[in-house]
């Protein structure tokens, strides 16, 4: 078994013990490791997602994919041996569990699974209620092609199944540790001298050619973790059933690879053609990471050369290179698994925001898989930042929570969140830096609260209610600064959205040393008030779970914000307003 995986399992055990105080087995730690490295869930956010135990319905852990609005169900096998029949049995068991949940036959399952899976199902959009994927992760050596064929012949849901092996898990861990740079110069070979199609416009130029497989393998060997995908909008993410098709072509049909593959696109600052050689300067692959990775990692006989379709593009104006590469990436990356945020990763406004925040020691991740080359005070992903702004400032926690995709697909919403020129307006600048600071402090307090003596409903609200909690903190910010009144909200709860948000400092005007105590008190008050509102909604037959309660913006206005406003005159409400002094823009 891989030493790298063992090392990170030990690390996962330490992390979970620090968070919960409990020792966990290597088998449970394996599930936590996979949540971290395959699904990018921080250890502090994983509590409740690992459902392994008696009566778990074959589901060791689960994950709600906000990008594609689907529930991912996972079985993890930390073992030295695994039979094909065992794989089929586990997959069918998971599928049977979902059928039972559809019929509300859930009494046979453990409480953790019932709660976590029901919350995940209730997050699915109403028009896509049963979108599920099944993963089996294993450290045991298995024949993936043989297993995939058996799954296809046995399981009606085979198209939704992925198998992830030890080698793939190692690669996920390695990629998370990589640092990136650009490829300054390299040469590639094409099939014959001057065999290319050339095109040129006023500001761009490019060629289409056939690159030799050995050249692509050489690029992979030298630069896979050192700039080869630096301009790419994404990292290669494995999908076993799709990848097997490319591997079968490499095994048996190399002479037809050119016809069966879309090829690669290389973007560069410049290129030069010299016979059957093309010199590339400051380049990266912007499309074709899947093809390049599979060819580079191929473990069979690579002696037979073949050719891959290749487009090489360059811009004549260096000042426009970022937007040029973004347009190329958006137009050419339509195959799986592109996320909406990836298509904006090189957009000028995103790059500007990234650079400006860097000057404040804040790392804004605008490309998945990239690591900061400096030590940031705080790190945040661009989609996560968009969610926080949408919740806190624009009072739309349901939209924020139900899908990150809409933030990047809805151009008007994207412009409202990101095309704001925060760095050019002092009030907007203070707001954004303080919001990120608030998020960082919230993360620390959240870990502490998960270990505290919250009641079961408050804990469930904490797990599922981040965007709603930030929206309510945004409401308190506006109330304490008289930007909106309780009467406004009582008469029309949607005034929270319709009355324009006034930018300004959220925290930085508060200079006393009890700020974290105050923030924690605000969060606790909101948790108490939310739990009370949820319990009332359950009694009134309005909702079925905490997740369902926080699903839409309309429910936030009608059932959550309205309830909180009504309770401001009572103990927890009064305490909430008192502690909201931290949000005052100008303290006297």
Protein backbone atom coordinates (compact mmCIF):
# COMPACT_ATOMS: atom_id res chain seq x y z
CA UNK A 1 0.00 0.00 0.00
CA UNK A 2 1.23 3.51 -0.85
CA UNK A 3 3.43 5.19 1.77
CA UNK A 4 2.09 8.56 0.61
CA UNK A 5 -1.50 7.53 1.30
CA UNK A 6 -0.53 6.05 4.68
CA UNK A 7 1.23 9.29 5.62
CA UNK A 8 -1.80 11.39 4.77
CA UNK A 9 -4.15 8.99 6.54
CA UNK A 10 -2.13 9.57 9.71
CA UNK A 11 -2.36 13.30 9.08
CA UNK A 12 -6.15 13.01 8.61
CA UNK A 13 -6.41 11.14 11.92
CA UNK A 14 -4.54 13.95 13.68
CA UNK A 15 -6.70 16.64 12.06
CA UNK A 16 -9.99 14.97 12.99
CA UNK A 17 -8.76 14.40 16.55
CA UNK A 18 -7.87 18.10 16.83
CA UNK A 19 -11.36 19.00 15.64
CA UNK A 20 -13.51 16.44 17.49
CA UNK A 21 -11.24 15.13 20.22
CA UNK A 22 -11.85 11.58 18.98
CA UNK A 23 -9.44 8.97 17.66
CA UNK A 24 -10.58 7.45 14.37
CA UNK A 25 -9.54 4.31 12.53
CA UNK A 26 -7.44 4.35 9.34
CA UNK A 27 -10.57 3.23 7.44
CA UNK A 28 -12.52 6.29 8.60
CA UNK A 29 -9.48 8.52 8.05
CA UNK A 30 -9.35 7.26 4.45
CA UNK A 31 -12.82 8.69 3.86
CA UNK A 32 -11.76 12.02 5.37
CA UNK A 33 -8.64 12.05 3.20
CA UNK A 34 -10.77 11.53 0.07
CA UNK A 35 -13.11 14.36 1.01
CA UNK A 36 -10.06 16.56 1.34
CA UNK A 37 -8.14 15.65 -1.81
CA UNK A 38 -10.87 14.55 -4.23
CA UNK A 39 -13.66 16.92 -3.25
CA UNK A 40 -11.64 19.78 -1.73
CA UNK A 41 -13.54 19.83 1.58
CA UNK A 42 -11.53 21.15 4.52
CA UNK A 43 -11.27 18.77 7.46
CA UNK A 44 -13.20 21.22 9.64
CA UNK A 45 -16.17 21.06 7.22
CA UNK A 46 -16.28 17.27 6.98
CA UNK A 47 -18.06 16.45 10.23
CA UNK A 48 -21.33 14.73 9.37
CA UNK A 49 -20.30 13.91 5.80
CA UNK A 50 -18.62 10.66 6.84
CA UNK A 51 -21.51 8.28 7.48
CA UNK A 52 -19.60 4.97 7.69
CA UNK A 53 -20.89 2.62 10.38
CA UNK A 54 -23.66 0.15 11.03
CA UNK A 55 -26.77 0.65 8.88
CA UNK A 56 -25.01 3.13 6.60
CA UNK A 57 -26.69 1.86 3.42
CA UNK A 58 -23.32 1.23 1.80
CA UNK A 59 -22.48 4.94 1.91
CA UNK A 60 -19.21 5.62 3.71
CA UNK A 61 -19.32 9.34 2.97
CA UNK A 62 -21.20 11.75 0.77
CA UNK A 63 -20.67 15.11 -0.85
CA UNK A 64 -23.02 17.70 -2.33
CA UNK A 65 -21.58 19.08 -5.57
CA UNK A 66 -22.70 22.70 -5.73
CA UNK A 67 -21.24 23.20 -9.20
CA UNK A 68 -23.38 20.55 -10.90
CA UNK A 69 -26.18 20.29 -8.31
CA UNK A 70 -25.75 16.59 -7.61
CA UNK A 71 -25.32 14.28 -4.65
CA UNK A 72 -22.13 12.20 -4.75
CA UNK A 73 -22.31 8.92 -2.81
CA UNK A 74 -19.04 7.23 -1.92
CA UNK A 75 -17.81 3.86 -0.73
CA UNK A 76 -14.17 3.78 0.44
CA UNK A 77 -12.25 0.50 0.65
CA UNK A 78 -8.99 0.87 2.55
CA UNK A 79 -7.88 -2.70 1.95
CA UNK A 80 -5.28 -4.87 0.25
CA UNK A 81 -7.81 -7.01 -1.63
CA UNK A 82 -11.16 -6.34 -3.27
CA UNK A 83 -13.20 -8.73 -5.41
CA UNK A 84 -15.26 -7.57 -8.40
CA UNK A 85 -18.41 -9.05 -6.89
CA UNK A 86 -17.81 -6.95 -3.76
CA UNK A 87 -17.65 -3.81 -5.91
CA UNK A 88 -20.97 -4.66 -7.57
CA UNK A 89 -22.59 -5.45 -4.21
CA UNK A 90 -21.49 -2.13 -2.68
CA UNK A 91 -22.71 -0.09 -5.65
CA UNK A 92 -26.07 -1.84 -5.70
CA UNK A 93 -26.42 -1.33 -1.96
CA UNK A 94 -25.88 2.43 -2.37
CA UNK A 95 -28.38 2.54 -5.24
CA UNK A 96 -30.92 0.64 -3.14
CA UNK A 97 -30.47 3.20 -0.35
CA UNK A 98 -31.38 6.02 -2.73
CA UNK A 99 -34.48 4.14 -3.89
CA UNK A 100 -35.52 3.77 -0.24
CA UNK A 101 -35.01 7.49 0.43
CA UNK A 102 -37.19 8.30 -2.59
CA UNK A 103 -39.94 6.21 -0.97
CA UNK A 104 -39.24 7.68 2.52
CA UNK A 105 -38.29 4.20 3.78
CA UNK A 106 -35.44 5.53 5.91
CA UNK A 107 -35.99 4.03 9.36
CA UNK A 108 -33.46 1.23 8.83
CA UNK A 109 -30.53 3.63 8.47
CA UNK A 110 -28.36 5.25 11.12
CA UNK A 111 -29.18 8.77 12.27
CA UNK A 112 -26.08 10.36 10.75
CA UNK A 113 -26.87 8.98 7.30
CA UNK A 114 -30.56 9.91 7.51
CA UNK A 115 -29.74 13.47 8.48
CA UNK A 116 -26.83 14.06 6.09
CA UNK A 117 -28.36 12.37 3.06
CA UNK A 118 -31.77 13.98 3.55
CA UNK A 119 -30.14 17.40 3.81
CA UNK A 120 -28.16 16.72 0.64
CA UNK A 121 -31.25 15.52 -1.26
CA UNK A 122 -33.20 18.58 -0.12
CA UNK A 123 -30.51 20.80 -1.63
CA UNK A 124 -31.14 19.44 -5.13
CA UNK A 125 -32.99 21.86 -7.43
CA UNK A 126 -36.70 21.16 -7.75
CA UNK A 127 -36.35 20.47 -11.48
CA UNK A 128 -33.48 18.00 -10.94
CA UNK A 129 -34.50 16.18 -7.81
CA UNK A 130 -32.62 12.90 -8.22
CA UNK A 131 -29.20 13.64 -9.68
CA UNK A 132 -26.79 11.16 -8.07
CA UNK A 133 -23.28 9.88 -8.76
CA UNK A 134 -21.62 6.80 -7.24
CA UNK A 135 -17.92 6.52 -6.43
CA UNK A 136 -15.90 3.59 -5.21
CA UNK A 137 -12.42 4.44 -3.91
CA UNK A 138 -9.96 1.68 -3.12
CA UNK A 139 -6.33 1.08 -2.24
CA UNK A 140 -6.63 -2.54 -3.44
CA UNK A 141 -5.12 -3.45 -6.82
CA UNK A 142 -7.97 -4.02 -9.30
CA UNK A 143 -8.41 -4.26 -13.05
CA UNK A 144 -10.41 -1.11 -13.72
CA UNK A 145 -11.29 -2.00 -17.32
CA UNK A 146 -12.61 -5.41 -16.27
CA UNK A 147 -14.48 -3.87 -13.34
CA UNK A 148 -16.02 -1.19 -15.57
CA UNK A 149 -17.27 -3.80 -18.03
CA UNK A 150 -18.86 -5.81 -15.21
CA UNK A 151 -20.50 -2.67 -13.81
CA UNK A 152 -21.89 -1.84 -17.25
CA UNK A 153 -23.28 -5.37 -17.63
CA UNK A 154 -24.72 -5.50 -14.10
CA UNK A 155 -25.81 -2.01 -12.99
CA UNK A 156 -28.47 0.00 -14.81
CA UNK A 157 -26.93 3.17 -13.36
CA UNK A 158 -23.41 2.36 -14.67
CA UNK A 159 -23.04 5.73 -16.42
CA UNK A 160 -23.10 7.41 -12.99
CA UNK A 161 -20.33 5.19 -11.55
CA UNK A 162 -16.65 6.02 -11.14
CA UNK A 163 -13.87 3.84 -9.71
CA UNK A 164 -10.82 5.58 -8.27
CA UNK A 165 -7.67 3.55 -7.61
CA UNK A 166 -4.65 3.98 -5.35
CA UNK A 167 -2.53 5.46 -8.16
CA UNK A 168 -5.18 8.06 -8.88
CA UNK A 169 -5.52 8.96 -5.21
CA UNK A 170 -1.75 9.42 -4.97
CA UNK A 171 -1.87 11.76 -7.95
CA UNK A 172 -4.61 13.83 -6.31
CA UNK A 173 -2.45 14.25 -3.21
CA UNK A 174 0.63 15.09 -5.27
CA UNK A 175 -1.22 17.68 -7.37
CA UNK A 176 -2.45 19.43 -4.24
CA UNK A 177 1.15 19.91 -3.12
CA UNK A 178 2.49 21.21 -6.43
CA UNK A 179 3.63 24.77 -7.06
CA UNK A 180 3.39 26.19 -10.57
CA UNK A 181 5.49 28.25 -12.96
CA UNK A 182 5.38 28.94 -16.69
CA UNK A 183 7.17 26.98 -19.42
CA UNK A 184 9.54 29.51 -20.91
CA UNK A 185 10.73 27.57 -23.95
CA UNK A 186 10.50 24.15 -25.55
CA UNK A 187 10.38 22.49 -28.98
CA UNK A 188 7.86 20.03 -30.38
CA UNK A 189 7.94 17.95 -33.55
CA UNK A 190 5.19 17.64 -36.16
CA UNK A 191 4.58 14.91 -38.76
CA UNK A 192 6.51 16.47 -41.66
CA UNK A 193 8.22 19.80 -42.52
CA UNK A 194 5.89 22.76 -43.05
CA UNK A 195 2.75 20.64 -42.83
CA UNK A 196 0.46 23.10 -41.07
CA UNK A 197 -2.57 25.28 -41.70
CA UNK A 198 -1.93 28.91 -40.87
CA UNK A 199 -4.33 31.71 -39.97
CA UNK A 200 -3.76 35.30 -38.90
CA UNK A 201 -5.89 38.28 -37.85
CA UNK A 202 -4.99 41.84 -36.85
CA UNK A 203 -4.16 40.88 -33.26
CA UNK A 204 -3.71 37.08 -33.26
CA UNK A 205 -2.07 34.28 -35.20
CA UNK A 206 -2.14 30.51 -35.12
CA UNK A 207 -1.48 27.22 -36.84
CA UNK A 208 -3.04 23.77 -36.88
CA UNK A 209 -0.66 20.83 -37.10
CA UNK A 210 -0.11 17.21 -36.07
CA UNK A 211 2.18 16.88 -33.05
CA UNK A 212 4.21 13.70 -32.51
CA UNK A 213 3.12 11.70 -29.46
CA UNK A 214 6.71 11.54 -28.18
CA UNK A 215 6.81 15.35 -28.11
CA UNK A 216 3.67 15.50 -25.97
CA UNK A 217 5.04 12.80 -23.66
CA UNK A 218 8.30 14.76 -23.35
CA UNK A 219 6.37 17.93 -22.40
CA UNK A 220 4.42 15.95 -19.80
CA UNK A 221 7.55 14.38 -18.31
CA UNK A 222 9.34 17.72 -17.98
CA UNK A 223 6.58 20.17 -17.10
CA UNK A 224 3.42 18.38 -15.88
CA UNK A 225 3.77 20.00 -12.48
CA UNK A 226 5.75 23.00 -13.59
CA UNK A 227 3.76 25.19 -15.94
CA UNK A 228 2.42 22.92 -18.67
CA UNK A 229 -1.14 23.77 -17.66
CA UNK A 230 -0.50 27.24 -16.22
CA UNK A 231 -2.86 29.00 -18.64
CA UNK A 232 -5.40 26.23 -18.43
CA UNK A 233 -8.72 27.09 -16.85
CA UNK A 234 -8.67 23.83 -14.90
CA UNK A 235 -6.70 20.83 -13.79
CA UNK A 236 -7.33 17.38 -15.22
CA UNK A 237 -9.92 15.56 -13.11
CA UNK A 238 -10.28 11.83 -13.64
CA UNK A 239 -13.41 10.01 -14.79
CA UNK A 240 -12.71 6.30 -15.07
CA UNK A 241 -15.36 5.30 -17.58
CA UNK A 242 -14.48 8.13 -19.98
CA UNK A 243 -10.72 7.75 -19.58
CA UNK A 244 -10.92 4.04 -20.41
CA UNK A 245 -11.96 4.96 -23.95
CA UNK A 246 -8.72 6.88 -24.53
CA UNK A 247 -6.68 4.12 -22.94
CA UNK A 248 -8.31 1.50 -25.19
CA UNK A 249 -7.33 3.58 -28.23
CA UNK A 250 -3.75 3.74 -26.93
CA UNK A 251 -3.82 -0.03 -26.43
CA UNK A 252 -5.33 -1.12 -29.71
CA UNK A 253 -5.94 1.66 -32.22
CA UNK A 254 -3.10 4.19 -32.20
CA UNK A 255 -3.16 4.69 -35.96
CA UNK A 256 -6.65 6.15 -35.61
CA UNK A 257 -5.97 8.28 -32.50
CA UNK A 258 -5.95 11.43 -34.69
CA UNK A 259 -9.53 10.70 -35.81
CA UNK A 260 -10.88 9.76 -32.37
CA UNK A 261 -9.47 12.60 -30.25
CA UNK A 262 -10.13 16.35 -30.19
CA UNK A 263 -6.45 17.03 -29.61
CA UNK A 264 -4.77 19.83 -27.70
CA UNK A 265 -4.60 23.61 -27.87
CA UNK A 266 -1.40 25.39 -26.89
CA UNK A 267 -1.46 29.11 -26.15
CA UNK A 268 1.82 31.01 -26.17
CA UNK A 269 3.37 34.42 -26.40
CA UNK A 270 5.09 33.43 -29.64
CA UNK A 271 6.10 30.48 -31.80
CA UNK A 272 8.60 29.86 -34.61
CA UNK A 273 8.44 27.18 -37.31
CA UNK A 274 11.63 25.45 -38.37
CA UNK A 275 10.98 22.54 -40.75
CA UNK A 276 9.30 19.78 -38.73
CA UNK A 277 10.07 21.58 -35.46
CA UNK A 278 8.01 24.27 -33.72
CA UNK A 279 9.64 26.43 -31.07
CA UNK A 280 7.27 27.59 -28.32
CA UNK A 281 7.85 30.60 -26.04
CA UNK A 282 6.08 31.14 -22.69
CA UNK A 283 3.42 28.58 -23.41
CA UNK A 284 0.85 26.38 -21.75
CA UNK A 285 -1.83 23.89 -22.76
CA UNK A 286 -5.24 25.60 -22.47
CA UNK A 287 -7.24 22.61 -23.69
CA UNK A 288 -6.37 18.92 -23.82
CA UNK A 289 -5.21 18.29 -20.27
CA UNK A 290 -7.10 15.00 -20.21
CA UNK A 291 -5.46 13.78 -23.42
CA UNK A 292 -2.00 14.93 -22.35
CA UNK A 293 -2.27 13.38 -18.88
CA UNK A 294 -3.49 10.01 -20.13
CA UNK A 295 -0.81 9.79 -22.83
CA UNK A 296 1.88 10.90 -20.38
CA UNK A 297 0.76 8.42 -17.72
CA UNK A 298 0.17 5.50 -20.08
CA UNK A 299 1.80 2.37 -18.67
CA UNK A 300 1.57 0.13 -21.74
CA UNK A 301 3.87 -0.15 -24.76
CA UNK A 302 4.60 3.38 -25.98
CA UNK A 303 7.02 2.48 -28.76
CA UNK A 304 4.55 3.06 -31.61
CA UNK A 305 4.43 6.79 -32.41
CA UNK A 306 1.21 8.46 -33.45
CA UNK A 307 0.01 12.00 -34.04
CA UNK A 308 -2.37 14.25 -32.11
CA UNK A 309 -4.26 17.19 -33.64
CA UNK A 310 -2.75 20.39 -32.26
CA UNK A 311 -3.71 24.04 -32.53
CA UNK A 312 -1.09 26.62 -31.52
CA UNK A 313 -2.30 30.17 -30.94
CA UNK A 314 -0.54 33.40 -30.01
CA UNK A 315 -1.62 36.97 -29.51
CA UNK A 316 0.26 39.84 -31.11
CA UNK A 317 -0.62 42.18 -28.25
CA UNK A 318 0.81 41.06 -24.88
CA UNK A 319 -1.48 43.50 -23.06
CA UNK A 320 -4.52 41.55 -24.27
CA UNK A 321 -3.13 38.08 -23.64
CA UNK A 322 -5.19 37.39 -20.48
CA UNK A 323 -8.56 38.11 -22.09
CA UNK A 324 -7.46 36.34 -25.30
CA UNK A 325 -6.63 33.13 -23.43
CA UNK A 326 -9.87 33.38 -21.44
CA UNK A 327 -11.94 33.52 -24.63
CA UNK A 328 -10.06 30.53 -26.04
CA UNK A 329 -10.61 28.54 -22.86
CA UNK A 330 -14.32 29.38 -22.73
CA UNK A 331 -14.85 28.43 -26.37
CA UNK A 332 -12.86 25.19 -26.37
CA UNK A 333 -13.54 23.63 -22.96
CA UNK A 334 -17.07 22.33 -23.36
CA UNK A 335 -16.33 18.69 -22.48
CA UNK A 336 -16.38 17.34 -18.92
CA UNK A 337 -15.63 18.37 -16.27
CA UNK A 338 -15.49 22.15 -16.67
CA UNK A 339 -16.89 24.21 -13.83
CA UNK A 340 -18.46 27.58 -14.44
CA UNK A 341 -15.83 29.34 -12.30
CA UNK A 342 -13.05 27.84 -14.48
CA UNK A 343 -14.27 29.77 -17.51
CA UNK A 344 -13.55 33.06 -15.73
CA UNK A 345 -10.20 32.09 -14.22
CA UNK A 346 -8.18 34.26 -16.62
CA UNK A 347 -10.76 37.03 -17.00
CA UNK A 348 -9.13 40.49 -16.57
CA UNK A 349 -11.36 41.50 -13.64
CA UNK A 350 -10.57 38.22 -11.86
CA UNK A 351 -6.83 38.62 -12.40
CA UNK A 352 -6.97 42.24 -11.18
CA UNK A 353 -8.87 41.22 -8.06
CA UNK A 354 -6.36 38.41 -7.46
CA UNK A 355 -3.38 40.79 -7.77
CA UNK A 356 -4.94 43.53 -5.65
CA UNK A 357 -5.85 41.18 -2.79
CA UNK A 358 -2.36 39.69 -2.97
CA UNK A 359 -1.01 43.14 -2.04
CA UNK A 360 -3.00 42.78 1.20
CA UNK A 361 -1.56 39.29 1.88
CA UNK A 362 -4.84 37.68 0.81
CA UNK A 363 -4.69 34.77 -1.64
CA UNK A 364 -7.72 34.66 -3.94
CA UNK A 365 -7.77 31.29 -5.70
CA UNK A 366 -9.00 31.91 -9.24
CA UNK A 367 -7.72 28.60 -10.68
CA UNK A 368 -8.34 25.21 -9.16
CA UNK A 369 -5.21 23.37 -8.09
CA UNK A 370 -2.93 26.41 -7.95
CA UNK A 371 -0.99 27.17 -4.79
CA UNK A 372 0.14 30.63 -3.63
CA UNK A 373 3.81 31.47 -4.09
CA UNK A 374 3.72 33.62 -0.95
CA UNK A 375 2.50 33.01 2.60
CA UNK A 376 -0.98 34.57 2.77
CA UNK A 377 -2.71 35.78 5.92
CA UNK A 378 -5.90 34.20 4.57
CA UNK A 379 -6.90 32.24 1.47
CA UNK A 380 -10.30 32.19 -0.21
CA UNK A 381 -11.67 30.80 -3.49
CA UNK A 382 -13.28 33.19 -5.94
CA UNK A 383 -16.59 31.30 -5.96
CA UNK A 384 -16.63 31.25 -2.16
CA UNK A 385 -16.02 35.01 -2.12
CA UNK A 386 -18.87 35.50 -4.57
CA UNK A 387 -21.17 33.47 -2.33
CA UNK A 388 -20.30 35.60 0.69
CA UNK A 389 -20.91 38.88 -1.15
CA UNK A 390 -24.19 37.54 -2.54
CA UNK A 391 -25.33 36.51 0.94
CA UNK A 392 -24.02 39.39 3.07
CA UNK A 393 -24.49 42.36 0.73
CA UNK A 394 -27.25 41.31 -1.64
CA UNK A 395 -29.28 39.17 0.78
CA UNK A 396 -29.70 36.15 -1.49
CA UNK A 397 -28.45 33.22 0.63
CA UNK A 398 -30.70 30.69 -1.10
CA UNK A 399 -29.21 31.45 -4.53
CA UNK A 400 -25.74 31.54 -2.97
CA UNK A 401 -26.17 28.20 -1.22
CA UNK A 402 -27.97 26.19 -3.89
CA UNK A 403 -25.37 26.56 -6.62
CA UNK A 404 -22.09 28.37 -7.21
CA UNK A 405 -22.59 27.84 -10.92
CA UNK A 406 -25.19 30.59 -11.27
CA UNK A 407 -22.69 33.18 -9.99
CA UNK A 408 -20.52 32.62 -13.06
CA UNK A 409 -23.19 31.70 -15.61
CA UNK A 410 -25.50 34.66 -14.96
CA UNK A 411 -23.55 37.55 -16.48
CA UNK A 412 -25.54 40.27 -14.70
CA UNK A 413 -24.98 38.59 -11.34
CA UNK A 414 -21.29 37.98 -12.12
CA UNK A 415 -20.82 41.66 -13.02
CA UNK A 416 -22.61 42.73 -9.83
CA UNK A 417 -20.24 40.66 -7.70
CA UNK A 418 -16.88 40.92 -9.45
CA UNK A 419 -16.85 43.83 -11.93
CA UNK A 420 -16.98 46.34 -9.13
CA UNK A 421 -13.43 47.80 -9.07
CA UNK A 422 -13.23 47.33 -5.33
CA UNK A 423 -9.64 48.56 -5.27
CA UNK A 424 -10.59 51.99 -6.68
CA UNK A 425 -13.21 52.88 -4.05
CA UNK A 426 -12.14 53.18 -0.41
CA UNK A 427 -15.53 52.09 0.97
CA UNK A 428 -15.76 49.08 -1.32
CA UNK A 429 -12.14 48.23 -0.61
CA UNK A 430 -12.75 48.31 3.15
CA UNK A 431 -15.89 46.21 2.73
CA UNK A 432 -14.23 43.43 0.75
CA UNK A 433 -11.14 43.16 2.95
CA UNK A 434 -13.31 43.15 6.08
CA UNK A 435 -15.69 40.55 4.60
CA UNK A 436 -12.76 38.22 3.95
CA UNK A 437 -11.50 38.92 7.48
CA UNK A 438 -14.96 38.11 8.87
CA UNK A 439 -14.99 34.86 6.90
CA UNK A 440 -11.58 33.92 8.32
CA UNK A 441 -12.70 34.63 11.89
CA UNK A 442 -15.97 32.77 11.26
CA UNK A 443 -14.04 29.67 10.12
CA UNK A 444 -12.12 29.56 13.40
CA UNK A 445 -15.22 30.16 15.52
CA UNK A 446 -17.15 27.52 13.58
CA UNK A 447 -14.57 24.85 14.45
CA UNK A 448 -14.79 25.88 18.10
CA UNK A 449 -18.61 25.82 18.10
CA UNK A 450 -18.75 22.35 16.55
CA UNK A 451 -16.92 21.11 19.67
CA UNK A 452 -19.14 23.07 22.06
CA UNK A 453 -22.46 22.26 23.71
CA UNK A 454 -24.81 23.38 20.95
CA UNK A 455 -28.09 21.52 20.88
CA UNK A 456 -28.66 19.13 17.96
CA UNK A 457 -30.72 21.58 15.89
CA UNK A 458 -28.27 24.46 16.40
CA UNK A 459 -25.43 22.15 15.33
CA UNK A 460 -27.34 21.12 12.22
CA UNK A 461 -28.02 24.80 11.41
CA UNK A 462 -24.30 25.53 11.82
CA UNK A 463 -23.40 22.70 9.43
CA UNK A 464 -25.89 23.74 6.75
CA UNK A 465 -26.45 27.44 7.30
CA UNK A 466 -23.27 29.36 6.51
CA UNK A 467 -24.82 31.49 3.77
CA UNK A 468 -27.95 32.20 5.81
CA UNK A 469 -25.83 33.15 8.83
CA UNK A 470 -23.78 35.56 6.69
CA UNK A 471 -26.98 37.02 5.23
CA UNK A 472 -28.30 37.66 8.75
CA UNK A 473 -25.00 39.26 9.76
CA UNK A 474 -25.42 41.45 6.67
CA UNK A 475 -28.92 42.34 7.86
CA UNK A 476 -27.50 43.28 11.28
CA UNK A 477 -24.82 45.41 9.61
CA UNK A 478 -27.51 47.36 7.79
CA UNK A 479 -29.72 47.69 10.87
CA UNK A 480 -26.92 48.91 13.14
CA UNK A 481 -25.93 51.53 10.53
CA UNK A 482 -29.55 52.64 9.91
CA UNK A 483 -29.29 51.64 6.22
CA UNK A 484 -32.58 49.78 6.68
CA UNK A 485 -35.10 49.69 9.52
CA UNK A 486 -36.96 46.92 11.29
CA UNK A 487 -40.17 48.47 9.97
CA UNK A 488 -38.91 48.24 6.38
CA UNK A 489 -38.32 44.51 6.81
CA UNK A 490 -41.58 43.89 8.70
CA UNK A 491 -43.65 45.60 6.00
CA UNK A 492 -41.73 44.09 3.07
CA UNK A 493 -39.08 41.43 3.79
CA UNK A 494 -37.84 41.68 0.17
CA UNK A 495 -36.67 45.22 0.97
CA UNK A 496 -33.54 43.43 2.20
CA UNK A 497 -32.79 42.82 -1.48
CA UNK A 498 -34.41 45.87 -3.09
CA UNK A 499 -32.95 48.61 -0.86
CA UNK A 500 -29.40 49.25 -2.18
CA UNK A 501 -26.50 48.02 -0.09
CA UNK A 502 -24.16 50.72 1.28
CA UNK A 503 -20.54 49.63 1.17
CA UNK A 504 -18.21 50.34 4.05
CA UNK A 505 -16.03 48.75 6.70
CA UNK A 506 -17.60 45.76 8.41
CA UNK A 507 -15.08 45.24 11.20
CA UNK A 508 -12.07 47.51 10.87
CA UNK A 509 -13.67 50.50 12.63
CA UNK A 510 -14.07 48.37 15.75
CA UNK A 511 -10.80 48.75 17.66
CA UNK A 512 -11.59 47.05 20.97
CA UNK A 513 -9.90 43.76 21.81
CA UNK A 514 -13.12 41.77 22.30
CA UNK A 515 -13.99 41.56 18.59
CA UNK A 516 -13.78 37.75 18.34
CA UNK A 517 -15.88 37.39 21.49
CA UNK A 518 -18.49 39.69 19.94
CA UNK A 519 -18.47 37.83 16.59
CA UNK A 520 -18.90 34.51 18.39
CA UNK A 521 -21.78 35.97 20.37
CA UNK A 522 -23.44 37.21 17.15
CA UNK A 523 -23.13 33.75 15.60
CA UNK A 524 -24.52 32.04 18.71
CA UNK A 525 -27.48 34.43 18.84
CA UNK A 526 -28.21 33.82 15.16
CA UNK A 527 -27.97 30.04 15.67
CA UNK A 528 -30.46 30.19 18.54
CA UNK A 529 -32.90 32.36 16.58
CA UNK A 530 -32.55 30.22 13.45
CA UNK A 531 -33.12 27.02 15.41
CA UNK A 532 -36.30 28.50 16.92
CA UNK A 533 -37.51 29.62 13.47
CA UNK A 534 -36.80 26.14 12.08
CA UNK A 535 -38.67 24.36 14.85
CA UNK A 536 -41.69 26.59 14.24
CA UNK A 537 -41.52 25.87 10.50
CA UNK A 538 -41.48 22.12 11.23
CA UNK A 539 -44.53 22.46 13.53
CA UNK A 540 -46.32 24.44 10.81
CA UNK A 541 -45.52 21.79 8.18
CA UNK A 542 -43.46 24.24 6.11
CA UNK A 543 -40.22 22.25 5.91
CA UNK A 544 -38.76 18.73 6.13
CA UNK A 545 -35.12 19.44 7.05
CA UNK A 546 -32.71 22.21 7.97
CA UNK A 547 -31.32 22.12 4.43
CA UNK A 548 -34.79 22.46 2.92
CA UNK A 549 -35.56 25.35 5.31
CA UNK A 550 -32.64 27.36 3.91
CA UNK A 551 -33.06 26.36 0.28
CA UNK A 552 -34.52 29.48 -1.35
CA UNK A 553 -34.28 33.27 -1.12
CA UNK A 554 -38.06 33.49 -0.79
CA UNK A 555 -38.02 31.30 2.30
CA UNK A 556 -35.21 33.46 3.72
CA UNK A 557 -37.34 36.59 3.34
CA UNK A 558 -40.68 35.14 4.45
CA UNK A 559 -39.76 32.57 7.11
CA UNK A 560 -36.27 33.43 8.37
CA UNK A 561 -35.56 37.18 8.25
CA UNK A 562 -39.16 37.99 9.21
CA UNK A 563 -38.97 35.63 12.19
CA UNK A 564 -35.64 37.11 13.35
CA UNK A 565 -37.02 40.65 13.15
CA UNK A 566 -40.04 39.67 15.27
CA UNK A 567 -37.72 38.23 17.92
CA UNK A 568 -35.37 41.21 18.21
CA UNK A 569 -37.35 42.47 21.22
CA UNK A 570 -36.69 39.25 23.13
CA UNK A 571 -33.50 38.17 24.92
CA UNK A 572 -31.49 36.59 22.09
CA UNK A 573 -32.64 39.30 19.67
CA UNK A 574 -31.63 42.12 22.00
CA UNK A 575 -28.28 40.45 22.57
CA UNK A 576 -27.80 40.13 18.80
CA UNK A 577 -28.33 43.84 18.23
CA UNK A 578 -26.07 44.73 21.16
CA UNK A 579 -23.22 42.62 19.80
CA UNK A 580 -23.76 43.94 16.27
CA UNK A 581 -21.95 47.10 17.40
CA UNK A 582 -18.89 45.48 15.79
CA UNK A 583 -20.49 46.22 12.38
CA UNK A 584 -20.87 49.96 13.02
CA UNK A 585 -19.14 51.92 10.24
CA UNK A 586 -18.33 54.89 12.46
CA UNK A 587 -17.84 54.41 16.18
CA UNK A 588 -18.11 57.43 18.44
